[in-house]
Amino acid sequence: MKTLGVITLGCSKNSVDTEHLLAQLPEDDFLVVEESEIALRELDWLLINTCGFIGDAKEESVNAILEAVEARKAGRIGCLVVFGCLSQRYMKELKEEIPEVDAWFGARDLAPLVRYLGAEPVAECTDRHRTSGKGYAYLKISEGCDRRCSYCAIPFIRGPHRSVPVEKLVEEAAKLASYGVKELILIAQDSTYYGLDLYHRRALSELLDRLSEVEGIEWIRVHYSYPADFPEDVLDRMAHNPKICKYLDIPLQHISDNVLGTMHRGVSSQWTRELVSRLRNEVKGVVLRTTMIVGHPGEGEKEFDELLDFIREARFERLGAFCYSEEEGTWDAGHCPDNVPQGEKTRRLDALMSLQSGISLEFNRSRVGTVEKVIVDECVDGTLVCRSQYESPEVDGEILVKGEAEPGQFIQVRIIGADEYDLIAEILS
C-alpha cells in the first residue's frame, strides 16, 4: 500500500475536487495521510492542489511546491505531482521553472490525474473521501463561468459554466448524509446561473427543493450568488423552507456605477440597492455576506466614498474585502491600467474594514440574550466551536460554548456575549 498525501490550497471548490479525486483511488492501493500529518511522514506520493486566482494565492502555491521539491530532494517524498488552477494557468512556465516536479495536471478534468495514479476514472463521480469529520460539507453544483468580470481569471482557468445534473447532486448529498453530514453549503462560481446550460432555465430553486428532501440534511446554505438576474423564486424558498438557511453569500464587489461598469458586472447602483432591499423585505431576518474590491481601476475618492456610504446604508452582517490586483489574461490587463497606488489601496481597505467592524459588532451584540439552534463543528479543550444558520464556516465568526457534544450535533444555546467576530453562548439544559 502506497502512502499518499494531498495539500489543498485555495477555495472550497478545490477541497471538493480533492475529495472527489481521492474517492476514485482504490483503498487497497493507497493509504491517504491526513494533511496535518504530511510534514511528519515519508510519502510515496505527494499531490498539491493549487490556487491561481490572485497574486497572494499564486505565491502561496509556488512556495508550497518549492517546499515539496526540497522534501523530495531529501528523500521524504517519492513522487511529486501538482494539479489545480495554478498549473492549469501556467503549466508551460512551471514545467520550465520547476523541473523537479514529476507531473503536472490542470483543474478542469481529474481523469488524467486519476489514470496517472493507476486508477480508473469514474464519470461524474458522486463519492467523496471526506477530509473532515465535521457536520458540514461543500457541494459544488457547477464548474466554470460564462461571465467576463474584468478582474477575474476564473473563466480562463476553469472554462465555461457547466452545471452538475440535479440527480447527481441529490445522489452525492445522500452519500454525504450517510457519512454524518447535516449541512450542505452550495458552491459554484455563480450559483444563480445553475441549470441554464442543462435545463435552459435557472434551476437553483428546484435544486434546493430536491436537496431539502434528502434524509439527514437539516441545513442548506447558498454561496456565491451573482446579483444580476437574481432568481426571485430562491427568495421564496429561503423565506418558507425551514431547511434553507436565512443566509446568502452575494458578492457585490462595488456600488459606484463607474466602477461597476469598468468591472463588467452587468448591474447598476440602483439595481444593487433594489436587490438588497428585496432580500431584506422578502426574507425576514436574512443575514447577508458580501465581498468588495477596493482600488479597482476607475475608483477615485468619490467612488470610494460612495462605497463607504453604501456599506453604512446596507449594513451587511458579514463582509470581506480585498485590494484589486491586475491579473494576466483578464480584460483589465490589456485595456485598463492598474493606476491606484498600493499604499492607497491598503488605506482604503483598512478604512472599509474598520467601518465594517463596527457594523458586525452591532449585529452580534443585538443577538445577546437570544436562543439559537447551532451546529457543533469541533470541540477544543472543552470548548465547543459552533455556528448558527447565520454563520458560514471558515469565513464568518464562531459561537463558543463550554460543554460536551459531538461534531455535527445540533444543540440549543443562549447567546451571552459578543465581539465583532465571535459570540459566547451557554447550553440550554
Protein backbone atom coordinates (compact mmCIF):
# COMPACT_ATOMS: atom_id res chain seq x y z
CA MET A 1 0.00 0.00 0.00
CA LYS A 2 1.39 3.38 -1.05
CA THR A 3 1.26 6.38 1.28
CA LEU A 4 -0.32 9.43 -0.37
CA GLY A 5 -0.82 12.96 0.87
CA VAL A 6 -2.66 15.88 -0.70
CA ILE A 7 -2.08 19.54 0.15
CA THR A 8 -5.14 21.54 -0.89
CA LEU A 9 -4.74 25.28 -1.34
CA GLY A 10 -7.28 27.93 -2.27
CA CYS A 11 -11.04 27.85 -2.05
CA SER A 12 -13.64 25.29 -1.01
CA LYS A 13 -14.09 24.28 -4.66
CA ASN A 14 -10.56 22.88 -4.58
CA SER A 15 -11.38 20.95 -1.41
CA VAL A 16 -14.29 19.29 -3.19
CA ASP A 17 -12.02 18.39 -6.13
CA THR A 18 -9.56 16.76 -3.73
CA GLU A 19 -12.30 14.70 -2.09
CA HIS A 20 -13.63 13.56 -5.50
CA LEU A 21 -10.11 12.64 -6.60
CA LEU A 22 -9.32 10.57 -3.51
CA ALA A 23 -12.67 8.76 -3.72
CA GLN A 24 -11.63 7.35 -7.12
CA LEU A 25 -8.47 5.72 -5.79
CA PRO A 26 -8.67 2.06 -4.62
CA GLU A 27 -8.49 1.87 -0.83
CA ASP A 28 -6.30 -1.25 -1.07
CA ASP A 29 -3.68 0.62 -3.11
CA PHE A 30 -3.36 3.91 -1.23
CA LEU A 31 -3.14 4.95 2.40
CA VAL A 32 -4.28 8.58 2.48
CA VAL A 33 -2.32 10.62 5.02
CA GLU A 34 -4.12 13.49 6.76
CA GLU A 35 -2.89 16.88 5.58
CA SER A 36 -1.89 17.87 9.12
CA GLU A 37 0.48 14.87 9.25
CA ILE A 38 2.15 15.26 5.85
CA ALA A 39 5.18 17.16 7.18
CA LEU A 40 5.78 14.37 9.72
CA ARG A 41 5.65 11.44 7.28
CA GLU A 42 7.59 9.92 4.45
CA LEU A 43 5.30 9.65 1.44
CA ASP A 44 5.28 7.62 -1.73
CA TRP A 45 3.14 10.32 -3.36
CA LEU A 46 2.50 13.97 -2.62
CA LEU A 47 -0.14 15.84 -4.60
CA ILE A 48 -0.54 19.62 -4.39
CA ASN A 49 -3.89 21.11 -5.46
CA THR A 50 -3.00 24.70 -6.29
CA CYS A 51 -4.79 28.05 -6.49
CA GLY A 52 -4.04 30.59 -9.21
CA PHE A 53 -6.73 33.22 -8.62
CA ILE A 54 -4.82 36.26 -7.29
CA GLY A 55 -1.23 37.18 -6.54
CA ASP A 56 -1.10 36.08 -2.89
CA ALA A 57 -2.70 32.73 -3.71
CA LYS A 58 -0.29 32.11 -6.56
CA GLU A 59 2.66 32.92 -4.31
CA GLU A 60 1.39 30.52 -1.64
CA SER A 61 1.04 27.75 -4.21
CA VAL A 62 4.52 28.29 -5.67
CA ASN A 63 6.04 28.29 -2.18
CA ALA A 64 4.26 25.03 -1.32
CA ILE A 65 5.63 23.42 -4.50
CA LEU A 66 9.18 24.61 -3.76
CA GLU A 67 9.00 23.30 -0.20
CA ALA A 68 7.82 19.96 -1.52
CA VAL A 69 10.71 19.91 -4.02
CA GLU A 70 13.15 20.27 -1.13
CA ALA A 71 11.41 17.44 0.75
CA ARG A 72 11.66 15.29 -2.37
CA LYS A 73 15.38 16.03 -2.65
CA ALA A 74 15.74 14.99 0.99
CA GLY A 75 14.14 11.65 0.20
CA ARG A 76 10.90 12.19 2.13
CA ILE A 77 8.70 12.19 -0.98
CA GLY A 78 8.77 9.60 -3.73
CA CYS A 79 6.69 11.22 -6.46
CA LEU A 80 5.59 14.86 -6.56
CA VAL A 81 2.51 15.82 -8.60
CA VAL A 82 0.94 19.27 -9.00
CA PHE A 83 -2.58 19.98 -10.27
CA GLY A 84 -5.30 22.61 -9.95
CA CYS A 85 -5.75 26.21 -11.02
CA LEU A 86 -2.14 27.42 -10.95
CA SER A 87 -0.89 24.59 -13.17
CA GLN A 88 -3.92 24.96 -15.45
CA ARG A 89 -2.99 28.60 -15.98
CA TYR A 90 0.82 28.46 -16.08
CA MET A 91 1.71 24.85 -16.90
CA LYS A 92 4.28 25.61 -19.60
CA GLU A 93 6.13 28.17 -17.45
CA LEU A 94 6.01 26.00 -14.33
CA LYS A 95 7.38 22.95 -16.12
CA GLU A 96 10.35 25.02 -17.25
CA GLU A 97 10.95 26.73 -13.91
CA ILE A 98 10.42 23.72 -11.60
CA PRO A 99 11.54 20.60 -13.49
CA GLU A 100 11.82 18.61 -10.24
CA VAL A 101 8.03 18.05 -10.24
CA ASP A 102 7.23 14.63 -11.69
CA ALA A 103 3.93 15.52 -13.34
CA TRP A 104 1.61 18.49 -13.89
CA PHE A 105 -2.15 18.42 -14.39
CA GLY A 106 -4.80 21.11 -14.77
CA ALA A 107 -8.05 21.89 -12.96
CA ARG A 108 -10.78 21.18 -15.48
CA ASP A 109 -10.62 17.38 -15.58
CA LEU A 110 -9.41 14.99 -12.88
CA ALA A 111 -9.49 11.90 -15.12
CA PRO A 112 -5.89 12.21 -16.47
CA LEU A 113 -4.56 12.52 -12.92
CA VAL A 114 -6.60 9.51 -11.75
CA ARG A 115 -5.13 7.45 -14.61
CA TYR A 116 -1.63 8.67 -13.77
CA LEU A 117 -2.14 7.29 -10.27
CA GLY A 118 -3.03 3.93 -11.77
CA ALA A 119 -6.78 4.01 -11.17
CA GLU A 120 -9.80 4.06 -13.47
CA PRO A 121 -11.69 7.39 -13.54
CA VAL A 122 -15.35 7.44 -12.56
CA ALA A 123 -17.53 9.60 -14.82
CA GLU A 124 -19.40 12.26 -12.82
CA CYS A 125 -18.13 10.83 -9.54
CA THR A 126 -20.52 11.38 -6.63
CA ASP A 127 -18.34 9.69 -4.00
CA ARG A 128 -16.22 11.74 -1.65
CA HIS A 129 -13.24 10.85 0.51
CA ARG A 130 -14.09 13.06 3.45
CA THR A 131 -11.09 15.06 4.59
CA SER A 132 -13.08 16.43 7.54
CA GLY A 133 -15.22 14.74 10.18
CA LYS A 134 -17.29 17.88 10.68
CA GLY A 135 -21.04 18.03 10.18
CA TYR A 136 -20.94 20.22 7.08
CA ALA A 137 -19.78 19.66 3.51
CA TYR A 138 -19.43 21.79 0.42
CA LEU A 139 -21.47 20.69 -2.58
CA LYS A 140 -20.12 22.03 -5.89
CA ILE A 141 -23.18 22.46 -8.11
CA SER A 142 -21.41 23.75 -11.20
CA GLU A 143 -17.99 24.37 -12.68
CA GLY A 144 -16.57 27.29 -14.64
CA CYS A 145 -18.17 30.61 -15.53
CA ASP A 146 -19.61 32.32 -18.61
CA ARG A 147 -19.30 35.85 -17.22
CA ARG A 148 -16.41 38.16 -18.03
CA CYS A 149 -15.86 40.33 -14.98
CA SER A 150 -12.85 42.49 -15.79
CA TYR A 151 -10.80 41.48 -12.72
CA CYS A 152 -11.45 37.73 -12.76
CA ALA A 153 -9.36 34.98 -14.39
CA ILE A 154 -11.66 32.09 -13.43
CA PRO A 155 -13.26 31.71 -16.89
CA PHE A 156 -9.78 31.35 -18.39
CA ILE A 157 -8.77 28.81 -15.76
CA ARG A 158 -11.90 26.74 -15.21
CA GLY A 159 -13.58 27.20 -18.59
CA PRO A 160 -17.27 27.82 -19.38
CA HIS A 161 -20.15 27.24 -17.00
CA ARG A 162 -21.16 23.58 -16.61
CA SER A 163 -23.96 22.56 -14.23
CA VAL A 164 -23.95 19.20 -12.46
CA PRO A 165 -27.27 17.39 -13.09
CA VAL A 166 -29.78 17.56 -10.25
CA GLU A 167 -29.88 13.76 -9.93
CA LYS A 168 -26.12 13.56 -9.44
CA LEU A 169 -26.18 16.27 -6.78
CA VAL A 170 -29.01 14.56 -4.91
CA GLU A 171 -27.06 11.29 -5.04
CA GLU A 172 -23.93 13.00 -3.74
CA ALA A 173 -25.90 14.74 -0.98
CA ALA A 174 -27.41 11.42 0.13
CA LYS A 175 -23.94 9.89 0.37
CA LEU A 176 -22.69 12.86 2.38
CA ALA A 177 -25.67 12.49 4.71
CA SER A 178 -24.78 8.82 5.22
CA TYR A 179 -21.33 9.99 6.42
CA GLY A 180 -22.98 12.19 9.06
CA VAL A 181 -23.14 15.47 7.15
CA LYS A 182 -26.04 17.64 8.36
CA GLU A 183 -25.33 20.88 6.47
CA LEU A 184 -24.76 21.36 2.75
CA ILE A 185 -23.03 24.52 1.53
CA LEU A 186 -23.76 25.04 -2.15
CA ILE A 187 -20.81 26.48 -4.05
CA ALA A 188 -20.13 27.44 -7.65
CA GLN A 189 -18.54 30.33 -9.47
CA ASP A 190 -22.09 31.66 -9.86
CA SER A 191 -24.74 29.59 -8.08
CA THR A 192 -27.67 31.58 -9.51
CA TYR A 193 -26.61 30.57 -13.04
CA TYR A 194 -27.25 26.93 -12.14
CA GLY A 195 -29.26 24.96 -14.69
CA LEU A 196 -29.14 27.34 -17.65
CA ASP A 197 -26.90 25.05 -19.70
CA LEU A 198 -28.72 21.79 -18.86
CA TYR A 199 -32.34 22.84 -18.46
CA HIS A 200 -32.39 26.19 -20.31
CA ARG A 201 -33.67 27.92 -17.19
CA ARG A 202 -32.35 28.95 -13.79
CA ALA A 203 -32.98 25.87 -11.66
CA LEU A 204 -31.43 26.73 -8.30
CA SER A 205 -34.81 26.79 -6.53
CA GLU A 206 -35.68 23.34 -7.92
CA LEU A 207 -32.32 22.03 -6.75
CA LEU A 208 -32.97 23.44 -3.27
CA ASP A 209 -36.32 21.63 -3.20
CA ARG A 210 -34.75 18.31 -4.13
CA LEU A 211 -31.83 18.60 -1.73
CA SER A 212 -34.13 19.53 1.15
CA GLU A 213 -35.84 16.14 0.68
CA VAL A 214 -32.58 14.24 1.38
CA GLU A 215 -32.94 12.43 4.69
CA GLY A 216 -30.41 13.60 7.28
CA ILE A 217 -29.76 17.02 5.74
CA GLU A 218 -31.07 19.75 8.06
CA TRP A 219 -29.43 22.92 6.72
CA ILE A 220 -28.70 24.10 3.18
CA ARG A 221 -26.66 27.26 2.67
CA VAL A 222 -26.20 29.17 -0.61
CA HIS A 223 -22.84 30.75 -1.50
CA TYR A 224 -21.54 32.81 -4.43
CA SER A 225 -24.78 34.25 -5.78
CA TYR A 226 -24.29 36.70 -8.64
CA PRO A 227 -26.55 39.77 -8.30
CA ALA A 228 -27.52 40.18 -11.98
CA ASP A 229 -30.81 38.44 -12.87
CA PHE A 230 -31.10 37.05 -9.35
CA PRO A 231 -33.80 34.30 -9.40
CA GLU A 232 -36.71 35.56 -7.30
CA ASP A 233 -38.04 32.04 -6.58
CA VAL A 234 -34.92 31.38 -4.50
CA LEU A 235 -36.10 34.08 -2.08
CA ASP A 236 -39.39 32.24 -1.67
CA ARG A 237 -37.51 29.05 -0.72
CA MET A 238 -35.33 30.91 1.77
CA ALA A 239 -38.37 32.56 3.34
CA HIS A 240 -40.52 29.43 3.67
CA ASN A 241 -38.38 26.28 3.61
CA PRO A 242 -37.01 25.73 7.14
CA LYS A 243 -34.03 23.77 5.80
CA ILE A 244 -32.75 26.70 3.73
CA CYS A 245 -30.64 28.94 5.93
CA LYS A 246 -31.66 32.58 6.05
CA TYR A 247 -28.18 33.44 4.92
CA LEU A 248 -26.96 34.47 1.49
CA ASP A 249 -23.44 34.99 0.18
CA ILE A 250 -23.80 37.53 -2.65
CA PRO A 251 -20.54 39.18 -3.80
CA LEU A 252 -21.43 42.69 -4.98
CA GLN A 253 -17.85 43.98 -5.42
CA HIS A 254 -18.80 47.71 -5.60
CA ILE A 255 -21.67 50.20 -5.75
CA SER A 256 -20.37 53.00 -7.98
CA ASP A 257 -21.80 52.93 -11.49
CA ASN A 258 -18.40 53.99 -12.83
CA VAL A 259 -16.60 51.09 -11.15
CA LEU A 260 -19.36 48.53 -11.82
CA GLY A 261 -19.16 49.45 -15.49
CA THR A 262 -15.40 49.05 -15.58
CA MET A 263 -15.78 45.71 -13.80
CA HIS A 264 -18.29 44.49 -16.42
CA ARG A 265 -20.66 43.41 -13.66
CA GLY A 266 -23.84 43.90 -15.68
CA VAL A 267 -25.66 45.69 -12.84
CA SER A 268 -26.11 49.30 -11.79
CA SER A 269 -26.01 51.01 -8.43
CA GLN A 270 -29.81 51.31 -8.46
CA TRP A 271 -30.27 47.63 -9.31
CA THR A 272 -27.93 46.62 -6.50
CA ARG A 273 -29.72 48.74 -3.92
CA GLU A 274 -33.12 47.45 -5.04
CA LEU A 275 -31.90 43.85 -4.82
CA VAL A 276 -30.61 44.31 -1.26
CA SER A 277 -33.95 45.87 -0.34
CA ARG A 278 -35.85 42.91 -1.83
CA LEU A 279 -33.68 40.45 0.03
CA ARG A 280 -34.34 42.23 3.33
CA ASN A 281 -38.09 42.57 2.72
CA GLU A 282 -38.86 39.13 1.31
CA VAL A 283 -36.65 37.05 3.62
CA LYS A 284 -37.23 38.46 7.08
CA GLY A 285 -34.16 38.22 9.27
CA VAL A 286 -31.82 37.25 6.41
CA VAL A 287 -28.11 37.64 7.03
CA LEU A 288 -26.15 38.89 4.03
CA ARG A 289 -22.49 38.24 3.33
CA THR A 290 -20.84 40.19 0.54
CA THR A 291 -17.40 40.92 -0.87
CA MET A 292 -15.98 44.24 -2.03
CA ILE A 293 -12.92 45.18 -4.09
CA VAL A 294 -11.05 48.40 -3.36
CA GLY A 295 -8.61 50.14 -5.66
CA HIS A 296 -10.10 48.84 -8.90
CA PRO A 297 -9.28 50.96 -11.97
CA GLY A 298 -11.79 53.80 -12.09
CA GLU A 299 -12.17 54.03 -8.31
CA GLY A 300 -11.25 57.51 -7.19
CA GLU A 301 -12.01 59.17 -3.85
CA LYS A 302 -15.57 59.93 -4.96
CA GLU A 303 -16.27 56.31 -5.89
CA PHE A 304 -14.68 55.02 -2.70
CA ASP A 305 -16.72 57.41 -0.56
CA GLU A 306 -19.83 56.18 -2.36
CA LEU A 307 -18.86 52.62 -1.45
CA LEU A 308 -18.47 53.54 2.24
CA ASP A 309 -21.85 55.29 2.21
CA PHE A 310 -23.45 52.17 0.72
CA ILE A 311 -21.96 49.95 3.41
CA ARG A 312 -23.33 52.28 6.08
CA GLU A 313 -26.73 52.13 4.36
CA ALA A 314 -26.91 48.38 3.66
CA ARG A 315 -25.33 47.27 6.95
CA PHE A 316 -24.17 43.87 5.76
CA GLU A 317 -23.85 41.49 8.67
CA ARG A 318 -20.84 39.84 7.02
CA LEU A 319 -18.40 41.48 4.65
CA GLY A 320 -14.99 40.64 3.25
CA ALA A 321 -12.81 42.85 1.07
CA PHE A 322 -9.55 42.75 -0.81
CA CYS A 323 -7.35 45.04 -2.86
CA TYR A 324 -7.52 44.84 -6.63
CA SER A 325 -4.55 43.24 -8.35
CA GLU A 326 -4.14 43.09 -12.09
CA GLU A 327 -4.26 39.55 -13.45
CA GLU A 328 -2.85 38.37 -16.77
CA GLY A 329 -5.46 37.31 -19.26
CA THR A 330 -8.28 39.40 -17.83
CA TRP A 331 -9.90 42.30 -19.63
CA ASP A 332 -8.20 44.91 -17.44
CA ALA A 333 -4.73 43.58 -18.10
CA GLY A 334 -4.83 44.90 -21.66
CA HIS A 335 -7.29 47.77 -21.55
CA CYS A 336 -7.43 49.45 -18.15
CA PRO A 337 -4.18 50.03 -16.24
CA ASP A 338 -3.87 49.35 -12.52
CA ASN A 339 -3.49 53.04 -11.63
CA VAL A 340 -4.28 53.17 -7.90
CA PRO A 341 -1.06 53.06 -5.81
CA GLN A 342 -0.73 50.07 -3.49
CA GLY A 343 -0.46 52.29 -0.43
CA GLU A 344 -3.75 53.97 -1.30
CA LYS A 345 -5.41 50.58 -1.84
CA THR A 346 -4.27 49.50 1.61
CA ARG A 347 -5.57 52.72 3.19
CA ARG A 348 -8.96 52.22 1.58
CA LEU A 349 -9.11 48.59 2.63
CA ASP A 350 -8.30 49.50 6.25
CA ALA A 351 -10.97 52.23 6.26
CA LEU A 352 -13.59 49.92 4.81
CA MET A 353 -12.88 47.07 7.23
CA SER A 354 -12.82 49.47 10.19
CA LEU A 355 -16.31 50.62 9.23
CA GLN A 356 -17.50 47.06 8.79
CA SER A 357 -16.05 46.02 12.14
CA GLY A 358 -18.44 48.37 13.92
CA ILE A 359 -21.42 47.14 11.91
CA SER A 360 -20.55 43.50 12.65
CA LEU A 361 -20.14 44.28 16.35
CA GLU A 362 -23.54 45.98 16.46
CA PHE A 363 -25.18 42.96 14.81
CA ASN A 364 -23.52 40.46 17.13
CA ARG A 365 -24.44 42.46 20.24
CA SER A 366 -28.07 42.57 19.09
CA ARG A 367 -28.14 38.79 19.46
CA VAL A 368 -27.14 38.70 23.13
CA GLY A 369 -29.96 37.09 25.11
CA THR A 370 -31.44 35.25 22.12
CA VAL A 371 -31.81 31.47 21.95
CA GLU A 372 -30.41 29.87 18.80
CA LYS A 373 -30.01 26.43 17.25
CA VAL A 374 -26.35 25.79 16.46
CA ILE A 375 -24.32 23.03 14.87
CA VAL A 376 -21.14 21.82 16.58
CA ASP A 377 -18.09 21.91 14.30
CA GLU A 378 -15.49 20.72 16.79
CA CYS A 379 -14.52 20.55 20.45
CA VAL A 380 -11.26 22.21 21.52
CA ASP A 381 -10.11 21.84 25.15
CA GLY A 382 -13.65 21.65 26.49
CA THR A 383 -14.97 24.46 24.30
CA LEU A 384 -17.49 23.68 21.58
CA VAL A 385 -16.91 25.60 18.35
CA CYS A 386 -20.37 26.12 16.87
CA ARG A 387 -22.32 28.09 14.28
CA SER A 388 -25.91 29.14 13.80
CA GLN A 389 -27.63 29.44 10.44
CA TYR A 390 -26.20 32.97 10.36
CA GLU A 391 -22.54 31.89 10.23
CA SER A 392 -20.80 30.02 7.44
CA PRO A 393 -17.65 28.02 8.24
CA GLU A 394 -14.17 29.37 7.53
CA VAL A 395 -15.33 32.87 6.55
CA ASP A 396 -17.53 34.03 9.45
CA GLY A 397 -17.17 34.14 13.21
CA GLU A 398 -17.97 31.30 15.61
CA ILE A 399 -20.15 30.68 18.62
CA LEU A 400 -18.09 29.35 21.52
CA VAL A 401 -19.79 27.22 24.16
CA LYS A 402 -18.46 25.39 27.23
CA GLY A 403 -19.72 21.82 27.27
CA GLU A 404 -19.67 18.45 25.56
CA ALA A 405 -21.18 17.42 22.24
CA GLU A 406 -20.17 15.62 19.07
CA PRO A 407 -19.28 17.33 15.76
CA GLY A 408 -22.38 17.52 13.61
CA GLN A 409 -24.72 17.60 16.60
CA PHE A 410 -27.31 20.36 16.91
CA ILE A 411 -27.82 21.99 20.30
CA GLN A 412 -29.84 24.91 21.68
CA VAL A 413 -27.83 27.74 23.21
CA ARG A 414 -28.38 31.20 24.66
CA ILE A 415 -26.04 33.97 23.47
CA ILE A 416 -24.41 35.66 26.48
CA GLY A 417 -21.54 37.67 24.95
CA ALA A 418 -20.30 39.12 21.67
CA ASP A 419 -17.43 40.84 19.94
CA GLU A 420 -17.15 41.92 16.29
CA TYR A 421 -16.38 38.38 15.16
CA ASP A 422 -17.33 35.70 17.69
CA LEU A 423 -20.14 35.05 20.14
CA ILE A 424 -20.16 33.39 23.55
CA ALA A 425 -23.09 31.14 24.49
CA GLU A 426 -24.30 28.68 27.11
CA ILE A 427 -26.04 25.36 26.53
CA LEU A 428 -29.68 25.24 27.49
CA SER A 429 -30.50 22.19 29.59
